[in-house]
Amino acid sequence: MPFILALDQGTSSSRALVFDAAGQPVGRAQREFTQHFPQPGWVEHDADEIWQSQITVAAEAIRAAGLTAADIAAIGIANQRETTVLWERASGRPLHRAIVWQDRRTAALCEELRTAGHETLFRDKTGLLLDPYFSGTKLKWLLDTLPGARDRARRGELAFGTIDSWLAWNLCGGLHVTDASNASRTLLFNIHDGDWDEELLELLDIPRSLLPEVRSSSEIYGRADPRWLGTAIPLAGIAGDQQAATFGQGCTEPGMAKNTYGTGAFLLLNTGAQAVPSAHRLLTTVAWRLDAQTTYALEGSVFMAGAIIQWLRDGLGIITHAADIEALAASVPDSGGVVLVPAFAGLGAPWWDAHARATLSGMTRGTTRAHIARAALDAIACQTVDLVQAMEKDSGIGLRELRVDGGAAANNLLLQIQADLLGVPVVRPQITETTALGAARLAALAVGQRLEESTDSASERRFQPALNSDQRNQHLARWRRALHLVLTGIK
C-alpha cells in the first residue's frame, strides 16, 4: 500500500498529513509559527522558522501514522502562495524575513506602475492585477532596499522563491524549482508562454538568475536529503495551496468551483485549457500543469476570512478558541444590524483597494460580542458572494453548487449563512483536508500511484439555502452600503 506525505505550509501554521491509498489521512501534525507585523500593513514570517516547523511536523505525521520514512512513496507540497523569500545560494541564509502575501508595503509602487500605464501589460501576460499581493513587487522591494542585493543577484549569488521553492531547496539540498501554479502568482510569469517573461523582469529590474526553474505540478523534482526524514523520499508534487485544494476537491472539469476558507478565502473556477480574461477584476491563473498540458482557472481572492476569527480571538479577546465563534454567533438570530467590512489588509477581489481599512458599523447600546461574532461570519460569506457574482459574469456559467474546504468550513453556521446568501447549495466533502489531499494526489501520480477519488463527490453535508430572495437581497444591500463607505469615504 503506498503512503504519500503532504506538506501543507500555510500562512499561520505548518501542517503535514500522511494519506493511504484510499485517500484517507492516517497521520497528521501541525505547528503554528510567529507572525511579525513590523509596521502597519506589513506582514512577515521567519523563513527559517517555517522550514523548521515544516520538517518537524513531517516527521511527527509519519510517526503518528505508525510508519517510517521507508513507507512513504512520495512527498507533495502545497504552500501559501506569493510569500517571497530571498536567500544566499552558498549558505541558504535568508537575507530578510519572508514578505507575506498579505503585506501591503508595495502599494505605492503598484500605483506608480499603474499610473505609468503598465497594468494592461501585466494583466495580459500574467493574468494578474498590479497589487502588493503578488511576489514581483515584493522581490523588487527587497532588491531595492537591501544593500548590494541587486548586484549580488546579478552575480548569481542569490535565489528567490515562493514558499514551495524555499521548502524544496531545504528538503532536497539546494534544488531550486517551482511549479507553474506558483510561478503564475509572481507577476513575472507569462501564463500563455509558460515561462518567465523578459519584458516584465526588465521593467521591475529583476535579474533572471534569481528565479527557480518552472516545472510541472506532478513530476519527480528530486529526493529529500536522508538526514531530514531518514531516507531519500522523492519530492513529486508541488502546487499553490488553492490550486492543490481545487485538485483535491476533484474540480478537474471546466465549470467546477471550490472555495477554501483559510486565513483568506479563495474561490477558483476551472476553465480548462482556456485562460479566460476577467472583466470584473478577477485573476486568470494557472490551476496546474500536468505533463505539457496547462489547466487554467478564474480566481477571486479574499484577504481576510479565517483571519477575522483570529482577530476576534487575539485582537479583541471576545473568544478564547477559534472554534468558540460558532456557538457565540449562533446565540443571536442575526447580527442586529452590525456590519464588519474586514479590510484589515486592504480589500482583494473584486475591489482591489490596497488602502481600504476595516470598519465595524451599525452598533447600538444593545450590541454584544455575539452580534460582532455573527457579523464576522456574515463578512466572510458576503465577500464570497461578491466573488461568485463577478465570476458568473466573466465565465457565463451560473453556479449550481459551491464545494468548500479549509479550517473555517468546519463551522456549520458559516456554511449555512453562505448557502443562504448565495442561493445555491454549499457542499462540504467527507475529507476537508483537500489542500493536502491535492498535493498528495499530484505526488502520487508522479510515482505511478493513484489515490482513490471516491471521496471527490461524497459530501459529508449539503447546506441548502433557507432565505427567500427578498431576505437575501436585504442582507446583501446592508453589506454593500457598508462596503461603499469603505471604498469611497474612509481610508
Protein backbone atom coordinates (compact mmCIF):
# COMPACT_ATOMS: atom_id res chain seq x y z
CA MET A 1 0.00 0.00 0.00
CA PRO A 2 1.51 3.36 -0.98
CA PHE A 3 1.54 6.16 1.53
CA ILE A 4 2.01 9.77 0.46
CA LEU A 5 3.27 12.59 2.69
CA ALA A 6 1.75 16.02 2.04
CA LEU A 7 3.43 19.16 3.36
CA ASP A 8 0.73 21.80 3.76
CA GLN A 9 2.61 25.01 4.52
CA GLY A 10 0.06 27.71 5.37
CA THR A 11 0.05 31.32 6.47
CA SER A 12 -0.37 30.69 10.17
CA SER A 13 0.87 27.11 10.60
CA SER A 14 2.84 24.31 9.01
CA ARG A 15 0.98 21.03 8.69
CA ALA A 16 1.79 17.57 7.42
CA LEU A 17 -0.54 14.70 6.60
CA VAL A 18 0.06 11.12 5.54
CA PHE A 19 -2.55 9.64 3.17
CA ASP A 20 -3.17 6.00 2.41
CA ALA A 21 -4.14 4.55 -0.98
CA ALA A 22 -7.82 5.29 -0.29
CA GLY A 23 -7.04 8.98 0.08
CA GLN A 24 -7.68 8.85 3.82
CA PRO A 25 -5.46 10.75 6.26
CA VAL A 26 -3.79 8.29 8.64
CA GLY A 27 -1.33 10.60 10.37
CA ARG A 28 -1.10 14.36 10.85
CA ALA A 29 0.73 17.05 12.76
CA GLN A 30 0.54 20.83 12.91
CA ARG A 31 2.59 23.65 14.39
CA GLU A 32 1.89 27.38 14.42
CA PHE A 33 4.71 29.85 13.84
CA THR A 34 5.31 33.51 14.64
CA GLN A 35 3.55 36.31 12.76
CA HIS A 36 5.58 39.53 12.54
CA PHE A 37 3.99 42.95 11.98
CA PRO A 38 6.89 45.45 11.92
CA GLN A 39 4.76 48.35 10.62
CA PRO A 40 1.08 48.91 9.89
CA GLY A 41 0.25 46.95 6.73
CA TRP A 42 3.49 44.94 6.84
CA VAL A 43 3.39 41.17 7.48
CA GLU A 44 6.47 38.97 7.70
CA HIS A 45 7.48 35.40 8.55
CA ASP A 46 10.82 33.97 9.60
CA ALA A 47 11.66 31.66 6.69
CA ASP A 48 13.94 29.50 8.84
CA GLU A 49 11.13 29.07 11.37
CA ILE A 50 8.81 28.00 8.55
CA TRP A 51 11.30 25.37 7.40
CA GLN A 52 11.98 24.06 10.90
CA SER A 53 8.29 23.86 11.73
CA GLN A 54 7.53 22.10 8.43
CA ILE A 55 10.20 19.42 8.66
CA THR A 56 9.31 18.83 12.32
CA VAL A 57 5.65 18.17 11.60
CA ALA A 58 6.60 15.99 8.62
CA ALA A 59 8.45 13.60 10.93
CA GLU A 60 5.66 13.81 13.51
CA ALA A 61 2.98 12.93 10.95
CA ILE A 62 4.89 9.85 9.80
CA ARG A 63 5.23 8.69 13.41
CA ALA A 64 1.56 9.44 14.10
CA ALA A 65 0.65 7.14 11.20
CA GLY A 66 2.71 4.36 12.77
CA LEU A 67 5.05 4.37 9.79
CA THR A 68 8.66 5.05 8.96
CA ALA A 69 10.06 7.12 6.12
CA ALA A 70 10.66 3.90 4.17
CA ASP A 71 6.87 3.50 3.91
CA ILE A 72 6.45 6.87 2.15
CA ALA A 73 6.33 6.63 -1.65
CA ALA A 74 6.46 10.37 -2.36
CA ILE A 75 6.15 13.87 -0.91
CA GLY A 76 3.85 16.59 -2.20
CA ILE A 77 3.98 20.28 -1.29
CA ALA A 78 1.08 22.71 -1.07
CA ASN A 79 2.04 26.18 0.07
CA GLN A 80 0.89 29.67 0.92
CA ARG A 81 1.36 31.50 -2.35
CA GLU A 82 3.03 34.83 -3.21
CA THR A 83 5.01 34.96 0.05
CA THR A 84 8.51 35.98 -1.01
CA VAL A 85 11.88 34.69 0.20
CA LEU A 86 15.33 35.90 -0.89
CA TRP A 87 18.33 33.86 0.23
CA GLU A 88 22.04 33.24 -0.34
CA ARG A 89 22.78 30.27 -2.55
CA ALA A 90 26.04 29.42 -0.79
CA SER A 91 24.74 29.40 2.77
CA GLY A 92 20.99 29.03 2.34
CA ARG A 93 20.59 32.01 4.69
CA PRO A 94 17.61 34.30 4.09
CA LEU A 95 18.61 37.95 3.63
CA HIS A 96 15.36 39.19 5.16
CA ARG A 97 12.23 37.82 6.71
CA ALA A 98 9.80 36.40 4.18
CA ILE A 99 7.35 39.06 2.98
CA VAL A 100 3.88 37.54 3.30
CA TRP A 101 1.17 37.67 0.64
CA GLN A 102 -0.92 39.85 2.98
CA ASP A 103 1.80 42.51 3.12
CA ARG A 104 0.91 45.90 1.59
CA ARG A 105 4.26 47.72 1.64
CA THR A 106 4.47 47.90 -2.15
CA ALA A 107 1.09 49.60 -2.63
CA ALA A 108 2.76 52.86 -3.73
CA LEU A 109 5.00 51.02 -6.19
CA CYS A 110 1.98 49.28 -7.71
CA GLU A 111 0.25 52.63 -8.03
CA GLU A 112 3.30 54.08 -9.80
CA LEU A 113 3.28 51.22 -12.29
CA ARG A 114 -0.45 51.69 -12.90
CA THR A 115 -0.03 55.44 -13.37
CA ALA A 116 2.74 54.76 -15.87
CA GLY A 117 0.28 52.67 -17.88
CA HIS A 118 1.75 49.22 -17.25
CA GLU A 119 -1.25 47.41 -15.74
CA THR A 120 -2.59 46.18 -19.08
CA LEU A 121 0.81 44.72 -19.94
CA PHE A 122 0.98 42.83 -16.66
CA ARG A 123 -2.63 41.72 -16.92
CA ASP A 124 -2.32 40.46 -20.48
CA LYS A 125 0.83 38.46 -19.78
CA THR A 126 0.29 37.22 -16.22
CA GLY A 127 -3.49 37.26 -15.74
CA LEU A 128 -2.91 39.26 -12.55
CA LEU A 129 -3.57 42.80 -11.40
CA LEU A 130 -0.91 45.20 -10.19
CA ASP A 131 -1.36 44.67 -6.47
CA PRO A 132 1.01 44.26 -3.50
CA TYR A 133 -0.49 40.78 -3.05
CA PHE A 134 1.82 39.28 -5.65
CA SER A 135 5.50 38.40 -5.39
CA GLY A 136 7.08 40.55 -8.09
CA THR A 137 6.90 43.91 -6.36
CA LYS A 138 7.88 42.33 -3.04
CA LEU A 139 11.02 40.99 -4.67
CA LYS A 140 11.75 44.37 -6.26
CA TRP A 141 11.37 45.98 -2.82
CA LEU A 142 13.94 43.57 -1.35
CA LEU A 143 16.40 44.23 -4.18
CA ASP A 144 15.88 47.99 -3.89
CA THR A 145 16.14 48.05 -0.09
CA LEU A 146 18.80 45.54 0.96
CA PRO A 147 22.30 46.97 0.39
CA GLY A 148 24.06 45.32 -2.51
CA ALA A 149 21.27 42.80 -3.11
CA ARG A 150 20.69 43.52 -6.79
CA ASP A 151 24.40 43.39 -7.63
CA ARG A 152 24.71 40.10 -5.75
CA ALA A 153 21.68 38.79 -7.62
CA ARG A 154 23.25 39.69 -10.97
CA ARG A 155 26.38 37.76 -9.94
CA GLY A 156 24.23 34.69 -9.28
CA GLU A 157 24.80 34.70 -5.54
CA LEU A 158 21.13 34.94 -4.51
CA ALA A 159 17.99 32.93 -5.06
CA PHE A 160 14.34 33.96 -5.00
CA GLY A 161 11.44 31.70 -4.33
CA THR A 162 7.93 31.43 -3.03
CA ILE A 163 7.49 29.06 -0.11
CA ASP A 164 7.37 25.94 -2.29
CA SER A 165 10.82 26.78 -3.67
CA TRP A 166 12.14 27.52 -0.18
CA LEU A 167 10.94 24.14 1.12
CA ALA A 168 12.27 22.27 -1.92
CA TRP A 169 15.66 23.98 -1.57
CA ASN A 170 15.99 22.93 2.06
CA LEU A 171 14.42 19.49 1.68
CA CYS A 172 16.44 18.44 -1.36
CA GLY A 173 19.79 20.12 -0.73
CA GLY A 174 19.76 23.16 -3.00
CA LEU A 175 17.09 22.15 -5.52
CA HIS A 176 15.80 25.44 -6.99
CA VAL A 177 12.42 24.75 -8.60
CA THR A 178 8.82 25.88 -8.60
CA ASP A 179 5.73 24.70 -10.43
CA ALA A 180 3.62 26.58 -12.96
CA SER A 181 0.80 27.27 -10.48
CA ASN A 182 3.11 29.07 -8.06
CA ALA A 183 5.05 30.80 -10.85
CA SER A 184 1.77 32.22 -12.15
CA ARG A 185 1.35 34.19 -8.90
CA THR A 186 4.55 36.22 -9.14
CA LEU A 187 3.75 38.94 -11.73
CA LEU A 188 6.84 37.65 -13.56
CA PHE A 189 5.46 34.61 -15.40
CA ASN A 190 3.80 34.63 -18.81
CA ILE A 191 0.89 32.23 -18.37
CA HIS A 192 0.43 31.88 -22.14
CA ASP A 193 4.07 31.12 -22.99
CA GLY A 194 4.64 29.14 -19.79
CA ASP A 195 7.94 30.84 -18.86
CA TRP A 196 9.41 33.84 -17.05
CA ASP A 197 8.79 36.99 -19.07
CA GLU A 198 11.86 39.01 -20.03
CA GLU A 199 9.93 42.25 -20.59
CA LEU A 200 8.38 42.15 -17.11
CA LEU A 201 11.68 41.23 -15.49
CA GLU A 202 13.32 44.23 -17.17
CA LEU A 203 10.50 46.53 -16.11
CA LEU A 204 10.92 45.53 -12.44
CA ASP A 205 14.74 45.31 -12.74
CA ILE A 206 14.82 41.70 -11.53
CA PRO A 207 17.74 39.54 -12.74
CA ARG A 208 16.56 36.26 -14.26
CA SER A 209 19.38 34.43 -12.47
CA LEU A 210 17.38 34.79 -9.24
CA LEU A 211 14.48 32.70 -10.47
CA PRO A 212 13.77 28.99 -10.00
CA GLU A 213 13.21 26.56 -12.84
CA VAL A 214 9.50 26.22 -13.63
CA ARG A 215 8.35 22.59 -13.73
CA SER A 216 5.02 20.79 -13.96
CA SER A 217 2.86 20.23 -10.86
CA SER A 218 3.45 16.47 -10.83
CA GLU A 219 6.89 15.02 -11.51
CA ILE A 220 9.90 13.82 -9.56
CA TYR A 221 11.88 17.02 -8.93
CA GLY A 222 14.48 15.49 -6.65
CA ARG A 223 14.83 13.47 -3.46
CA ALA A 224 14.80 14.53 0.16
CA ASP A 225 18.15 14.62 1.91
CA PRO A 226 18.06 11.46 4.10
CA ARG A 227 19.13 13.42 7.17
CA TRP A 228 15.69 15.01 7.42
CA LEU A 229 13.34 12.03 7.45
CA GLY A 230 15.65 9.03 7.31
CA THR A 231 15.54 8.12 3.63
CA ALA A 232 15.64 9.81 0.22
CA ILE A 233 11.90 10.13 -0.47
CA PRO A 234 11.04 11.57 -3.89
CA LEU A 235 9.62 15.10 -3.93
CA ALA A 236 7.00 14.58 -6.63
CA GLY A 237 4.21 17.15 -6.41
CA ILE A 238 4.06 20.94 -5.99
CA ALA A 239 1.09 23.29 -6.24
CA GLY A 240 -0.02 26.52 -4.65
CA ASP A 241 -2.43 25.82 -1.83
CA GLN A 242 -5.58 26.96 -3.63
CA GLN A 243 -4.77 25.08 -6.80
CA ALA A 244 -3.97 22.00 -4.72
CA ALA A 245 -7.32 22.31 -2.96
CA THR A 246 -9.09 22.58 -6.32
CA PHE A 247 -7.38 19.37 -7.46
CA GLY A 248 -8.12 17.70 -4.14
CA GLN A 249 -11.80 18.65 -4.38
CA GLY A 250 -12.00 16.88 -7.71
CA CYS A 251 -12.78 20.10 -9.59
CA THR A 252 -10.91 18.76 -12.58
CA GLU A 253 -13.52 19.58 -15.23
CA PRO A 254 -14.34 23.05 -16.64
CA GLY A 255 -17.20 24.75 -14.78
CA MET A 256 -16.47 23.19 -11.37
CA ALA A 257 -15.70 25.56 -8.48
CA LYS A 258 -14.48 25.41 -4.91
CA ASN A 259 -13.96 27.92 -2.11
CA THR A 260 -11.35 27.47 0.59
CA TYR A 261 -11.93 29.21 3.92
CA GLY A 262 -8.47 29.53 5.37
CA THR A 263 -6.67 32.66 6.53
CA GLY A 264 -8.18 34.20 3.42
CA ALA A 265 -10.95 32.85 1.20
CA PHE A 266 -10.12 31.67 -2.29
CA LEU A 267 -12.65 30.82 -4.95
CA LEU A 268 -11.45 29.00 -8.07
CA LEU A 269 -13.42 28.06 -11.19
CA ASN A 270 -11.82 25.55 -13.54
CA THR A 271 -11.82 26.95 -17.11
CA GLY A 272 -9.92 24.05 -18.71
CA ALA A 273 -7.35 24.75 -21.42
CA GLN A 274 -8.62 28.30 -21.91
CA ALA A 275 -7.13 31.22 -19.99
CA VAL A 276 -10.32 33.27 -19.60
CA PRO A 277 -9.69 37.02 -19.16
CA SER A 278 -11.75 38.77 -16.50
CA ALA A 279 -13.71 41.97 -16.97
CA HIS A 280 -14.51 42.10 -13.25
CA ARG A 281 -11.03 42.26 -11.73
CA LEU A 282 -10.73 38.57 -11.00
CA LEU A 283 -7.50 36.73 -11.70
CA THR A 284 -6.69 34.39 -14.55
CA THR A 285 -4.28 31.85 -13.14
CA VAL A 286 -2.66 28.50 -13.82
CA ALA A 287 -4.53 25.78 -11.96
CA TRP A 288 -1.88 23.13 -12.61
CA ARG A 289 0.37 21.77 -15.33
CA LEU A 290 0.37 18.02 -15.94
CA ASP A 291 2.95 16.85 -18.49
CA ALA A 292 2.71 19.55 -21.19
CA GLN A 293 -0.96 20.38 -20.61
CA THR A 294 -1.83 23.52 -18.65
CA THR A 295 -5.22 23.85 -16.95
CA TYR A 296 -6.36 27.39 -16.12
CA ALA A 297 -8.78 28.87 -13.60
CA LEU A 298 -10.52 32.09 -12.72
CA GLU A 299 -9.80 33.06 -9.13
CA GLY A 300 -11.15 35.51 -6.63
CA SER A 301 -9.08 36.13 -3.51
CA VAL A 302 -10.38 37.49 -0.21
CA PHE A 303 -7.62 38.59 2.14
CA MET A 304 -9.44 38.12 5.45
CA ALA A 305 -11.63 35.09 6.20
CA GLY A 306 -10.40 32.82 8.99
CA ALA A 307 -8.04 35.65 9.91
CA ILE A 308 -11.10 37.61 11.06
CA ILE A 309 -11.78 34.91 13.63
CA GLN A 310 -8.14 35.09 14.73
CA TRP A 311 -8.58 38.83 15.21
CA LEU A 312 -11.64 38.28 17.39
CA ARG A 313 -9.60 35.84 19.47
CA ASP A 314 -6.22 37.57 19.63
CA GLY A 315 -7.06 41.22 18.99
CA LEU A 316 -10.38 41.70 20.78
CA GLY A 317 -10.31 38.71 23.12
CA ILE A 318 -14.03 38.03 22.72
CA ILE A 319 -13.42 34.31 22.16
CA THR A 320 -10.80 32.02 23.69
CA HIS A 321 -10.56 29.49 20.89
CA ALA A 322 -11.36 29.94 17.21
CA ALA A 323 -13.97 27.17 17.40
CA ASP A 324 -15.88 29.19 20.04
CA ILE A 325 -17.20 31.59 17.41
CA GLU A 326 -19.91 29.24 16.12
CA ALA A 327 -21.74 28.88 19.42
CA LEU A 328 -21.32 32.57 20.24
CA ALA A 329 -22.62 33.72 16.84
CA ALA A 330 -25.49 31.21 16.99
CA SER A 331 -26.66 32.64 20.31
CA VAL A 332 -28.28 35.55 18.42
CA PRO A 333 -30.63 35.25 15.41
CA ASP A 334 -28.64 37.75 13.34
CA SER A 335 -26.02 40.48 13.68
CA GLY A 336 -28.53 43.03 14.94
CA GLY A 337 -27.61 45.37 12.08
CA VAL A 338 -23.85 45.23 12.81
CA VAL A 339 -21.71 45.02 9.66
CA LEU A 340 -17.99 44.26 9.64
CA VAL A 341 -16.03 45.14 6.50
CA PRO A 342 -12.75 43.31 7.20
CA ALA A 343 -10.34 45.45 5.19
CA PHE A 344 -7.56 44.99 7.74
CA ALA A 345 -5.04 44.50 4.91
CA GLY A 346 -6.94 46.27 2.17
CA LEU A 347 -9.56 44.56 0.03
CA GLY A 348 -8.92 41.85 -2.53
CA ALA A 349 -11.12 40.76 -5.43
CA PRO A 350 -13.19 42.12 -6.98
CA TRP A 351 -12.40 45.52 -5.40
CA TRP A 352 -8.59 45.54 -5.13
CA ASP A 353 -8.20 48.53 -2.86
CA ALA A 354 -4.85 48.31 -1.09
CA HIS A 355 -5.60 51.40 1.01
CA ALA A 356 -9.03 50.38 2.34
CA ARG A 357 -9.28 49.89 6.09
CA ALA A 358 -11.68 47.86 8.19
CA THR A 359 -14.87 49.26 9.69
CA LEU A 360 -17.39 47.95 12.22
CA SER A 361 -20.68 49.80 11.80
CA GLY A 362 -24.33 49.66 12.82
CA MET A 363 -23.69 49.23 16.54
CA THR A 364 -26.10 50.32 19.28
CA ARG A 365 -26.08 50.07 23.07
CA GLY A 366 -27.69 46.69 22.59
CA THR A 367 -24.76 45.33 20.56
CA THR A 368 -22.98 42.41 22.23
CA ARG A 369 -19.93 40.37 21.42
CA ALA A 370 -22.30 37.77 19.96
CA HIS A 371 -23.52 40.30 17.38
CA ILE A 372 -19.93 41.11 16.45
CA ALA A 373 -19.17 37.40 16.10
CA ARG A 374 -22.20 36.97 13.86
CA ALA A 375 -21.14 39.98 11.78
CA ALA A 376 -17.72 38.34 11.34
CA LEU A 377 -19.27 35.22 9.82
CA ASP A 378 -21.54 37.38 7.66
CA ALA A 379 -18.45 39.23 6.38
CA ILE A 380 -16.77 36.02 5.25
CA ALA A 381 -19.92 34.93 3.42
CA CYS A 382 -20.65 38.33 1.85
CA GLN A 383 -17.16 38.64 0.41
CA THR A 384 -17.61 35.21 -1.18
CA VAL A 385 -20.93 36.30 -2.72
CA ASP A 386 -19.14 39.25 -4.34
CA LEU A 387 -16.62 36.84 -5.87
CA VAL A 388 -19.24 34.40 -7.14
CA GLN A 389 -21.30 37.11 -8.81
CA ALA A 390 -18.24 38.54 -10.57
CA MET A 391 -17.13 35.06 -11.66
CA GLU A 392 -20.53 34.20 -13.09
CA LYS A 393 -20.43 37.36 -15.23
CA ASP A 394 -16.92 36.61 -16.52
CA SER A 395 -17.47 32.95 -17.30
CA GLY A 396 -21.11 32.96 -18.33
CA ILE A 397 -21.57 29.98 -16.01
CA GLY A 398 -24.24 30.07 -13.31
CA LEU A 399 -23.01 28.41 -10.12
CA ARG A 400 -25.01 25.28 -9.31
CA GLU A 401 -23.19 24.38 -6.11
CA LEU A 402 -20.13 25.51 -4.21
CA ARG A 403 -17.67 22.93 -2.86
CA VAL A 404 -15.95 24.16 0.26
CA ASP A 405 -12.98 23.28 2.43
CA GLY A 406 -10.45 24.84 4.79
CA GLY A 407 -10.42 25.23 8.54
CA ALA A 408 -13.43 27.54 8.78
CA ALA A 409 -15.50 25.10 6.68
CA ALA A 410 -15.98 23.11 9.89
CA ASN A 411 -18.28 25.94 11.05
CA ASN A 412 -21.83 24.82 10.25
CA LEU A 413 -23.31 28.25 10.88
CA LEU A 414 -20.88 29.90 8.45
CA LEU A 415 -21.77 27.43 5.71
CA GLN A 416 -25.50 27.88 6.30
CA ILE A 417 -25.08 31.65 6.07
CA GLN A 418 -23.07 31.11 2.89
CA ALA A 419 -25.79 28.97 1.30
CA ASP A 420 -28.45 31.48 2.35
CA LEU A 421 -26.63 34.42 0.76
CA LEU A 422 -25.56 32.58 -2.41
CA GLY A 423 -28.91 30.93 -3.01
CA VAL A 424 -27.25 27.64 -4.05
CA PRO A 425 -26.21 24.54 -2.04
CA VAL A 426 -22.88 24.58 -0.25
CA VAL A 427 -21.24 21.16 -0.21
CA ARG A 428 -18.71 20.08 2.40
CA PRO A 429 -16.74 16.93 1.49
CA GLN A 430 -16.08 13.99 3.77
CA ILE A 431 -12.40 14.92 3.76
CA THR A 432 -11.95 18.64 4.37
CA GLU A 433 -8.13 18.37 4.16
CA THR A 434 -8.40 18.96 0.44
CA THR A 435 -5.32 21.18 0.11
CA ALA A 436 -3.09 18.43 1.47
CA LEU A 437 -5.06 15.79 -0.44
CA GLY A 438 -4.48 17.64 -3.71
CA ALA A 439 -0.73 17.82 -3.07
CA ALA A 440 -0.73 14.11 -2.20
CA ARG A 441 -2.63 13.19 -5.37
CA LEU A 442 -0.23 15.18 -7.54
CA ALA A 443 2.74 13.48 -5.90
CA ALA A 444 1.16 10.03 -6.21
CA LEU A 445 0.62 10.48 -9.96
CA ALA A 446 4.31 11.20 -10.48
CA VAL A 447 5.37 7.89 -8.89
CA GLY A 448 2.79 5.80 -10.72
CA GLN A 449 0.22 5.68 -7.93
CA ARG A 450 -3.33 6.97 -7.79
CA LEU A 451 -5.09 7.81 -4.57
CA GLU A 452 -8.70 6.74 -4.76
CA GLU A 453 -11.04 9.53 -5.86
CA SER A 454 -14.26 8.14 -4.42
CA THR A 455 -14.37 10.95 -1.88
CA ASP A 456 -14.45 13.71 -4.51
CA SER A 457 -18.22 13.77 -4.82
CA ALA A 458 -19.05 12.22 -1.45
CA SER A 459 -20.43 15.10 0.56
CA GLU A 460 -20.40 14.95 4.33
CA ARG A 461 -23.15 17.58 4.34
CA ARG A 462 -25.08 19.76 1.93
CA PHE A 463 -26.27 23.13 3.22
CA GLN A 464 -29.45 24.22 1.44
CA PRO A 465 -30.48 27.89 1.14
CA ALA A 466 -33.13 28.89 3.71
CA LEU A 467 -33.64 32.58 2.87
CA ASN A 468 -36.02 33.85 0.22
CA SER A 469 -34.76 36.29 -2.41
CA ASP A 470 -36.13 39.37 -0.60
CA GLN A 471 -34.36 38.43 2.64
CA ARG A 472 -31.17 37.66 0.75
CA ASN A 473 -31.22 40.94 -1.14
CA GLN A 474 -31.91 42.92 2.03
CA HIS A 475 -28.93 41.35 3.76
CA LEU A 476 -26.61 41.95 0.80
CA ALA A 477 -27.81 45.55 0.42
CA ARG A 478 -26.79 46.29 4.02
CA TRP A 479 -23.35 44.76 3.33
CA ARG A 480 -22.89 46.81 0.17
CA ARG A 481 -23.80 50.09 1.88
CA ALA A 482 -21.06 49.50 4.44
CA LEU A 483 -18.64 48.38 1.72
CA HIS A 484 -19.39 51.51 -0.30
CA LEU A 485 -18.39 53.71 2.64
CA VAL A 486 -15.06 51.90 2.95
CA LEU A 487 -14.34 52.12 -0.78
CA THR A 488 -15.31 55.75 -1.25
CA GLY A 489 -15.05 57.63 2.00
CA ILE A 490 -12.94 56.01 4.70
CA LYS A 491 -9.22 55.37 4.24
